[in-house]
């Protein structure tokens, strides 16, 4: 994985975590009044609760994978 790919993936994952709750409430406005918990609503709640906590580990893991995979790719090509 390249660093550019890691950056794009991190932006998509973190952006998705911030946009999903807004999209769920826009698609189902009646969920604000105490709906039954569905999978989509549960995922939205998870993103609201843990989006700040998970942002740094997502970035760290993706860039660590990019660092290890780019080093091994350089050695193979020699």
PDB file of N, CA and C in Angstrom:
ATOM      1  N   UNK A   1       0.857  -1.161   0.000  1.00  0.00           N
ATOM      2  CA  UNK A   1       0.000   0.000   0.000  1.00  0.00           C
ATOM      3  C   UNK A   1       0.908   1.229   0.000  1.00  0.00           C
ATOM      4  N   UNK A   2       0.572   2.187  -0.803  1.00  0.00           N
ATOM      5  CA  UNK A   2       1.335   3.426  -0.856  1.00  0.00           C
ATOM      6  C   UNK A   2       0.779   4.421   0.145  1.00  0.00           C
ATOM      7  N   UNK A   3       1.579   5.458   0.419  1.00  0.00           N
ATOM      8  CA  UNK A   3       1.141   6.481   1.363  1.00  0.00           C
ATOM      9  C   UNK A   3      -0.075   7.237   0.838  1.00  0.00           C
ATOM     10  N   UNK A   4      -0.134   7.455  -0.456  1.00  0.00           N
ATOM     11  CA  UNK A   4      -1.279   8.155  -1.036  1.00  0.00           C
ATOM     12  C   UNK A   4      -2.548   7.331  -0.848  1.00  0.00           C
ATOM     13  N   UNK A   5      -2.443   6.019  -1.046  1.00  0.00           N
ATOM     14  CA  UNK A   5      -3.589   5.134  -0.840  1.00  0.00           C
ATOM     15  C   UNK A   5      -4.020   5.144   0.618  1.00  0.00           C
ATOM     16  N   UNK A   6      -3.052   5.133   1.530  1.00  0.00           N
ATOM     17  CA  UNK A   6      -3.363   5.174   2.961  1.00  0.00           C
ATOM     18  C   UNK A   6      -4.064   6.475   3.331  1.00  0.00           C
ATOM     19  N   UNK A   7      -3.612   7.576   2.752  1.00  0.00           N
ATOM     20  CA  UNK A   7      -4.237   8.868   3.049  1.00  0.00           C
ATOM     21  C   UNK A   7      -5.668   8.922   2.519  1.00  0.00           C
ATOM     22  N   UNK A   8      -5.882   8.412   1.313  1.00  0.00           N
ATOM     23  CA  UNK A   8      -7.234   8.408   0.739  1.00  0.00           C
ATOM     24  C   UNK A   8      -8.155   7.503   1.550  1.00  0.00           C
ATOM     25  N   UNK A   9      -7.664   6.333   1.932  1.00  0.00           N
ATOM     26  CA  UNK A   9      -8.466   5.394   2.717  1.00  0.00           C
ATOM     27  C   UNK A   9      -8.808   5.986   4.079  1.00  0.00           C
ATOM     28  N   UNK A  10      -7.847   6.641   4.720  1.00  0.00           N
ATOM     29  CA  UNK A  10      -8.105   7.263   6.021  1.00  0.00           C
ATOM     30  C   UNK A  10      -9.150   8.365   5.895  1.00  0.00           C
ATOM     31  N   UNK A  11      -9.042   9.172   4.845  1.00  0.00           N
ATOM     32  CA  UNK A  11     -10.018  10.245   4.644  1.00  0.00           C
ATOM     33  C   UNK A  11     -11.418   9.691   4.407  1.00  0.00           C
ATOM     34  N   UNK A  12     -11.513   8.616   3.637  1.00  0.00           N
ATOM     35  CA  UNK A  12     -12.821   8.012   3.361  1.00  0.00           C
ATOM     36  C   UNK A  12     -13.411   7.390   4.620  1.00  0.00           C
ATOM     37  N   UNK A  13     -12.607   6.651   5.380  1.00  0.00           N
ATOM     38  CA  UNK A  13     -13.120   6.004   6.589  1.00  0.00           C
ATOM     39  C   UNK A  13     -13.536   7.020   7.651  1.00  0.00           C
ATOM     40  N   UNK A  14     -12.691   7.999   7.890  1.00  0.00           N
ATOM     41  CA  UNK A  14     -13.007   8.998   8.911  1.00  0.00           C
ATOM     42  C   UNK A  14     -14.147   9.900   8.442  1.00  0.00           C
ATOM     43  N   UNK A  15     -14.131  10.271   7.173  1.00  0.00           N
ATOM     44  CA  UNK A  15     -15.234  11.066   6.639  1.00  0.00           C
ATOM     45  C   UNK A  15     -16.549  10.313   6.692  1.00  0.00           C
ATOM     46  N   UNK A  16     -16.504   9.030   6.425  1.00  0.00           N
ATOM     47  CA  UNK A  16     -17.707   8.207   6.524  1.00  0.00           C
ATOM     48  C   UNK A  16     -18.233   8.119   7.941  1.00  0.00           C
ATOM     49  N   UNK A  17     -17.313   8.058   8.899  1.00  0.00           N
ATOM     50  CA  UNK A  17     -17.739   7.999  10.303  1.00  0.00           C
ATOM     51  C   UNK A  17     -18.405   9.301  10.736  1.00  0.00           C
ATOM     52  N   UNK A  18     -17.984  10.424  10.164  1.00  0.00           N
ATOM     53  CA  UNK A  18     -18.587  11.700  10.519  1.00  0.00           C
ATOM     54  C   UNK A  18     -19.884  11.950   9.740  1.00  0.00           C
ATOM     55  N   UNK A  19     -19.994  11.410   8.535  1.00  0.00           N
ATOM     56  CA  UNK A  19     -21.167  11.670   7.694  1.00  0.00           C
ATOM     57  C   UNK A  19     -22.302  10.664   7.883  1.00  0.00           C
ATOM     58  N   UNK A  20     -21.990   9.455   8.331  1.00  0.00           N
ATOM     59  CA  UNK A  20     -23.015   8.417   8.452  1.00  0.00           C
ATOM     60  C   UNK A  20     -24.154   8.800   9.396  1.00  0.00           C
ATOM     61  N   UNK A  21     -23.873   9.305  10.600  1.00  0.00           N
ATOM     62  CA  UNK A  21     -25.000   9.675  11.477  1.00  0.00           C
ATOM     63  C   UNK A  21     -25.893  10.755  10.866  1.00  0.00           C
ATOM     64  N   UNK A  22     -25.293  11.709  10.170  1.00  0.00           N
ATOM     65  CA  UNK A  22     -26.075  12.765   9.535  1.00  0.00           C
ATOM     66  C   UNK A  22     -26.940  12.184   8.419  1.00  0.00           C
ATOM     67  N   UNK A  23     -26.371  11.261   7.650  1.00  0.00           N
ATOM     68  CA  UNK A  23     -27.120  10.634   6.560  1.00  0.00           C
ATOM     69  C   UNK A  23     -28.261   9.778   7.089  1.00  0.00           C
ATOM     70  N   UNK A  24     -28.032   9.076   8.187  1.00  0.00           N
ATOM     71  CA  UNK A  24     -29.094   8.241   8.770  1.00  0.00           C
ATOM     72  C   UNK A  24     -30.244   9.111   9.249  1.00  0.00           C
ATOM     73  N   UNK A  25     -29.933  10.208   9.945  1.00  0.00           N
ATOM     74  CA  UNK A  25     -30.997  11.079  10.435  1.00  0.00           C
ATOM     75  C   UNK A  25     -31.692  11.819   9.301  1.00  0.00           C
ATOM     76  N   UNK A  26     -30.983  12.088   8.210  1.00  0.00           N
ATOM     77  CA  UNK A  26     -31.624  12.735   7.064  1.00  0.00           C
ATOM     78  C   UNK A  26     -32.548  11.761   6.335  1.00  0.00           C
ATOM     79  N   UNK A  27     -32.148  10.505   6.249  1.00  0.00           N
ATOM     80  CA  UNK A  27     -32.962   9.507   5.556  1.00  0.00           C
ATOM     81  C   UNK A  27     -34.168   9.079   6.399  1.00  0.00           C
ATOM     82  N   UNK A  28     -33.983   9.006   7.699  1.00  0.00           N
ATOM     83  CA  UNK A  28     -35.047   8.568   8.599  1.00  0.00           C
ATOM     84  C   UNK A  28     -35.238   9.602   9.702  1.00  0.00           C
ATOM     85  N   UNK A  29     -35.926  10.693   9.432  1.00  0.00           N
ATOM     86  CA  UNK A  29     -36.063  11.756  10.444  1.00  0.00           C
ATOM     87  C   UNK A  29     -36.864  11.340  11.672  1.00  0.00           C
ATOM     88  N   UNK A  30     -37.667  10.304  11.576  1.00  0.00           N
ATOM     89  CA  UNK A  30     -38.458   9.885  12.732  1.00  0.00           C
ATOM     90  C   UNK A  30     -37.623   9.123  13.750  1.00  0.00           C
ATOM     91  N   UNK A  31     -36.371   8.819  13.449  1.00  0.00           N
ATOM     92  CA  UNK A  31     -35.533   8.088  14.393  1.00  0.00           C
ATOM     93  C   UNK A  31     -35.123   8.937  15.586  1.00  0.00           C
ATOM     94  N   UNK A  32     -35.304  10.249  15.522  1.00  0.00           N
ATOM     95  CA  UNK A  32     -34.956  11.113  16.643  1.00  0.00           C
ATOM     96  C   UNK A  32     -35.903  10.891  17.825  1.00  0.00           C
ATOM     97  N   UNK A  33     -37.066  10.319  17.572  1.00  0.00           N
ATOM     98  CA  UNK A  33     -38.088  10.188  18.603  1.00  0.00           C
ATOM     99  C   UNK A  33     -38.051   8.850  19.321  1.00  0.00           C
ATOM    100  N   UNK A  34     -36.975   8.127  19.216  1.00  0.00           N
ATOM    101  CA  UNK A  34     -36.853   6.864  19.932  1.00  0.00           C
ATOM    102  C   UNK A  34     -37.319   5.667  19.119  1.00  0.00           C
ATOM    103  N   UNK A  35     -36.677   5.390  18.015  1.00  0.00           N
ATOM    104  CA  UNK A  35     -37.092   4.269  17.175  1.00  0.00           C
ATOM    105  C   UNK A  35     -36.576   2.944  17.705  1.00  0.00           C
ATOM    106  N   UNK A  36     -37.056   1.869  17.147  1.00  0.00           N
ATOM    107  CA  UNK A  36     -36.423   0.593  17.466  1.00  0.00           C
ATOM    108  C   UNK A  36     -35.006   0.591  16.882  1.00  0.00           C
ATOM    109  N   UNK A  37     -34.092  -0.035  17.594  1.00  0.00           N
ATOM    110  CA  UNK A  37     -32.698  -0.046  17.155  1.00  0.00           C
ATOM    111  C   UNK A  37     -32.553  -0.968  15.950  1.00  0.00           C
ATOM    112  N   UNK A  38     -32.143  -0.394  14.855  1.00  0.00           N
ATOM    113  CA  UNK A  38     -31.858  -1.174  13.656  1.00  0.00           C
ATOM    114  C   UNK A  38     -30.348  -1.203  13.470  1.00  0.00           C
ATOM    115  N   UNK A  39     -29.897  -1.982  12.516  1.00  0.00           N
ATOM    116  CA  UNK A  39     -28.464  -2.092  12.264  1.00  0.00           C
ATOM    117  C   UNK A  39     -27.903  -0.757  11.812  1.00  0.00           C
ATOM    118  N   UNK A  40     -28.594  -0.077  10.914  1.00  0.00           N
ATOM    119  CA  UNK A  40     -28.116   1.208  10.420  1.00  0.00           C
ATOM    120  C   UNK A  40     -28.086   2.263  11.517  1.00  0.00           C
ATOM    121  N   UNK A  41     -29.115   2.278  12.341  1.00  0.00           N
ATOM    122  CA  UNK A  41     -29.157   3.244  13.439  1.00  0.00           C
ATOM    123  C   UNK A  41     -28.089   2.920  14.484  1.00  0.00           C
ATOM    124  N   UNK A  42     -27.874   1.635  14.749  1.00  0.00           N
ATOM    125  CA  UNK A  42     -26.831   1.221  15.686  1.00  0.00           C
ATOM    126  C   UNK A  42     -25.447   1.607  15.199  1.00  0.00           C
ATOM    127  N   UNK A  43     -25.218   1.470  13.899  1.00  0.00           N
ATOM    128  CA  UNK A  43     -23.947   1.876  13.317  1.00  0.00           C
ATOM    129  C   UNK A  43     -23.771   3.388  13.403  1.00  0.00           C
ATOM    130  N   UNK A  44     -24.845   4.121  13.212  1.00  0.00           N
ATOM    131  CA  UNK A  44     -24.795   5.576  13.359  1.00  0.00           C
ATOM    132  C   UNK A  44     -24.458   5.995  14.775  1.00  0.00           C
ATOM    133  N   UNK A  45     -25.035   5.329  15.746  1.00  0.00           N
ATOM    134  CA  UNK A  45     -24.734   5.624  17.150  1.00  0.00           C
ATOM    135  C   UNK A  45     -23.278   5.298  17.469  1.00  0.00           C
ATOM    136  N   UNK A  46     -22.786   4.173  16.950  1.00  0.00           N
ATOM    137  CA  UNK A  46     -21.390   3.799  17.146  1.00  0.00           C
ATOM    138  C   UNK A  46     -20.455   4.876  16.600  1.00  0.00           C
ATOM    139  N   UNK A  47     -20.763   5.384  15.416  1.00  0.00           N
ATOM    140  CA  UNK A  47     -19.924   6.416  14.805  1.00  0.00           C
ATOM    141  C   UNK A  47     -19.958   7.711  15.608  1.00  0.00           C
ATOM    142  N   UNK A  48     -21.121   8.053  16.159  1.00  0.00           N
ATOM    143  CA  UNK A  48     -21.220   9.271  16.955  1.00  0.00           C
ATOM    144  C   UNK A  48     -20.395   9.144  18.230  1.00  0.00           C
ATOM    145  N   UNK A  49     -20.442   7.990  18.854  1.00  0.00           N
ATOM    146  CA  UNK A  49     -19.748   7.811  20.124  1.00  0.00           C
ATOM    147  C   UNK A  49     -18.238   7.698  19.973  1.00  0.00           C
ATOM    148  N   UNK A  50     -17.780   6.991  18.951  1.00  0.00           N
ATOM    149  CA  UNK A  50     -16.367   6.650  18.876  1.00  0.00           C
ATOM    150  C   UNK A  50     -15.602   7.304  17.731  1.00  0.00           C
ATOM    151  N   UNK A  51     -16.176   8.260  17.034  1.00  0.00           N
ATOM    152  CA  UNK A  51     -15.475   8.821  15.881  1.00  0.00           C
ATOM    153  C   UNK A  51     -14.220   9.576  16.275  1.00  0.00           C
ATOM    154  N   UNK A  52     -14.215  10.291  17.361  1.00  0.00           N
ATOM    155  CA  UNK A  52     -12.998  10.993  17.781  1.00  0.00           C
ATOM    156  C   UNK A  52     -11.983  10.024  18.352  1.00  0.00           C
ATOM    157  N   UNK A  53     -12.458   8.977  18.994  1.00  0.00           N
ATOM    158  CA  UNK A  53     -11.560   7.990  19.592  1.00  0.00           C
ATOM    159  C   UNK A  53     -10.884   7.126  18.523  1.00  0.00           C
ATOM    160  N   UNK A  54     -11.578   6.833  17.433  1.00  0.00           N
ATOM    161  CA  UNK A  54     -11.045   5.935  16.413  1.00  0.00           C
ATOM    162  C   UNK A  54     -10.278   6.638  15.299  1.00  0.00           C
ATOM    163  N   UNK A  55     -10.330   7.946  15.219  1.00  0.00           N
ATOM    164  CA  UNK A  55      -9.672   8.650  14.113  1.00  0.00           C
ATOM    165  C   UNK A  55      -8.157   8.448  14.132  1.00  0.00           C
ATOM    166  N   UNK A  56      -7.529   8.632  15.260  1.00  0.00           N
ATOM    167  CA  UNK A  56      -6.073   8.491  15.347  1.00  0.00           C
ATOM    168  C   UNK A  56      -5.609   7.047  15.129  1.00  0.00           C
ATOM    169  N   UNK A  57      -6.254   6.036  15.717  1.00  0.00           N
ATOM    170  CA  UNK A  57      -5.815   4.669  15.420  1.00  0.00           C
ATOM    171  C   UNK A  57      -5.987   4.272  13.954  1.00  0.00           C
ATOM    172  N   UNK A  58      -7.029   4.758  13.294  1.00  0.00           N
ATOM    173  CA  UNK A  58      -7.212   4.447  11.873  1.00  0.00           C
ATOM    174  C   UNK A  58      -6.052   5.008  11.064  1.00  0.00           C
ATOM    175  N   UNK A  59      -5.700   6.257  11.322  1.00  0.00           N
ATOM    176  CA  UNK A  59      -4.594   6.882  10.596  1.00  0.00           C
ATOM    177  C   UNK A  59      -3.280   6.168  10.902  1.00  0.00           C
ATOM    178  N   UNK A  60      -3.057   5.845  12.168  1.00  0.00           N
ATOM    179  CA  UNK A  60      -1.813   5.180  12.566  1.00  0.00           C
ATOM    180  C   UNK A  60      -1.672   3.817  11.913  1.00  0.00           C
ATOM    181  N   UNK A  61      -2.715   3.025  11.936  1.00  0.00           N
ATOM    182  CA  UNK A  61      -2.654   1.684  11.355  1.00  0.00           C
ATOM    183  C   UNK A  61      -2.447   1.743   9.845  1.00  0.00           C
ATOM    184  N   UNK A  62      -3.164   2.603   9.158  1.00  0.00           N
ATOM    185  CA  UNK A  62      -3.028   2.671   7.707  1.00  0.00           C
ATOM    186  C   UNK A  62      -1.644   3.136   7.275  1.00  0.00           C
ATOM    187  N   UNK A  63      -1.097   4.140   7.945  1.00  0.00           N
ATOM    188  CA  UNK A  63       0.227   4.617   7.564  1.00  0.00           C
ATOM    189  C   UNK A  63       1.331   3.643   8.002  1.00  0.00           C
ATOM    190  N   UNK A  64       1.108   2.890   9.067  1.00  0.00           N
ATOM    191  CA  UNK A  64       2.061   1.848   9.445  1.00  0.00           C
ATOM    192  C   UNK A  64       2.075   0.741   8.405  1.00  0.00           C
ATOM    193  N   UNK A  65       0.901   0.342   7.945  1.00  0.00           N
ATOM    194  CA  UNK A  65       0.834  -0.659   6.876  1.00  0.00           C
ATOM    195  C   UNK A  65       1.504  -0.153   5.608  1.00  0.00           C
ATOM    196  N   UNK A  66       1.320   1.116   5.308  1.00  0.00           N
ATOM    197  CA  UNK A  66       1.957   1.687   4.122  1.00  0.00           C
ATOM    198  C   UNK A  66       3.474   1.697   4.270  1.00  0.00           C
ATOM    199  N   UNK A  67       3.959   1.990   5.463  1.00  0.00           N
ATOM    200  CA  UNK A  67       5.411   2.018   5.684  1.00  0.00           C
ATOM    201  C   UNK A  67       6.013   0.627   5.535  1.00  0.00           C
ATOM    202  N   UNK A  68       5.375  -0.376   6.116  1.00  0.00           N
ATOM    203  CA  UNK A  68       5.915  -1.734   6.026  1.00  0.00           C
ATOM    204  C   UNK A  68       5.816  -2.301   4.621  1.00  0.00           C
ATOM    205  N   UNK A  69       4.728  -2.044   3.948  1.00  0.00           N
ATOM    206  CA  UNK A  69       4.570  -2.614   2.606  1.00  0.00           C
ATOM    207  C   UNK A  69       5.440  -1.895   1.581  1.00  0.00           C
ATOM    208  N   UNK A  70       5.700  -0.606   1.771  1.00  0.00           N
ATOM    209  CA  UNK A  70       6.553   0.090   0.807  1.00  0.00           C
ATOM    210  C   UNK A  70       8.015  -0.321   0.986  1.00  0.00           C
ATOM    211  N   UNK A  71       8.448  -0.624   2.215  1.00  0.00           N
ATOM    212  CA  UNK A  71       9.813  -1.094   2.437  1.00  0.00           C
ATOM    213  C   UNK A  71      10.038  -2.465   1.816  1.00  0.00           C
ATOM    214  N   UNK A  72       9.074  -3.340   1.960  1.00  0.00           N
ATOM    215  CA  UNK A  72       9.235  -4.689   1.400  1.00  0.00           C
ATOM    216  C   UNK A  72       9.179  -4.657  -0.114  1.00  0.00           C
ATOM    217  N   UNK A  73       8.446  -3.730  -0.687  1.00  0.00           N
ATOM    218  CA  UNK A  73       8.349  -3.637  -2.139  1.00  0.00           C
ATOM    219  C   UNK A  73       9.684  -3.162  -2.719  1.00  0.00           C
ATOM    220  N   UNK A  74      10.367  -2.268  -2.043  1.00  0.00           N
ATOM    221  CA  UNK A  74      11.644  -1.766  -2.527  1.00  0.00           C
ATOM    222  C   UNK A  74      12.703  -2.852  -2.524  1.00  0.00           C
ATOM    223  N   UNK A  75      12.714  -3.717  -1.490  1.00  0.00           N
ATOM    224  CA  UNK A  75      13.713  -4.768  -1.418  1.00  0.00           C
ATOM    225  C   UNK A  75      13.490  -5.828  -2.473  1.00  0.00           C
ATOM    226  N   UNK A  76      12.258  -6.138  -2.790  1.00  0.00           N
ATOM    227  CA  UNK A  76      11.948  -7.159  -3.780  1.00  0.00           C
ATOM    228  C   UNK A  76      12.386  -6.703  -5.163  1.00  0.00           C
ATOM    229  N   UNK A  77      12.244  -5.421  -5.439  1.00  0.00           N
ATOM    230  CA  UNK A  77      12.571  -4.898  -6.756  1.00  0.00           C
ATOM    231  C   UNK A  77      14.069  -4.826  -7.041  1.00  0.00           C
ATOM    232  N   UNK A  78      14.909  -4.942  -6.057  1.00  0.00           N
ATOM    233  CA  UNK A  78      16.354  -4.829  -6.258  1.00  0.00           C
ATOM    234  C   UNK A  78      16.967  -6.050  -6.824  1.00  0.00           C
TER     235      UNK A  78
END
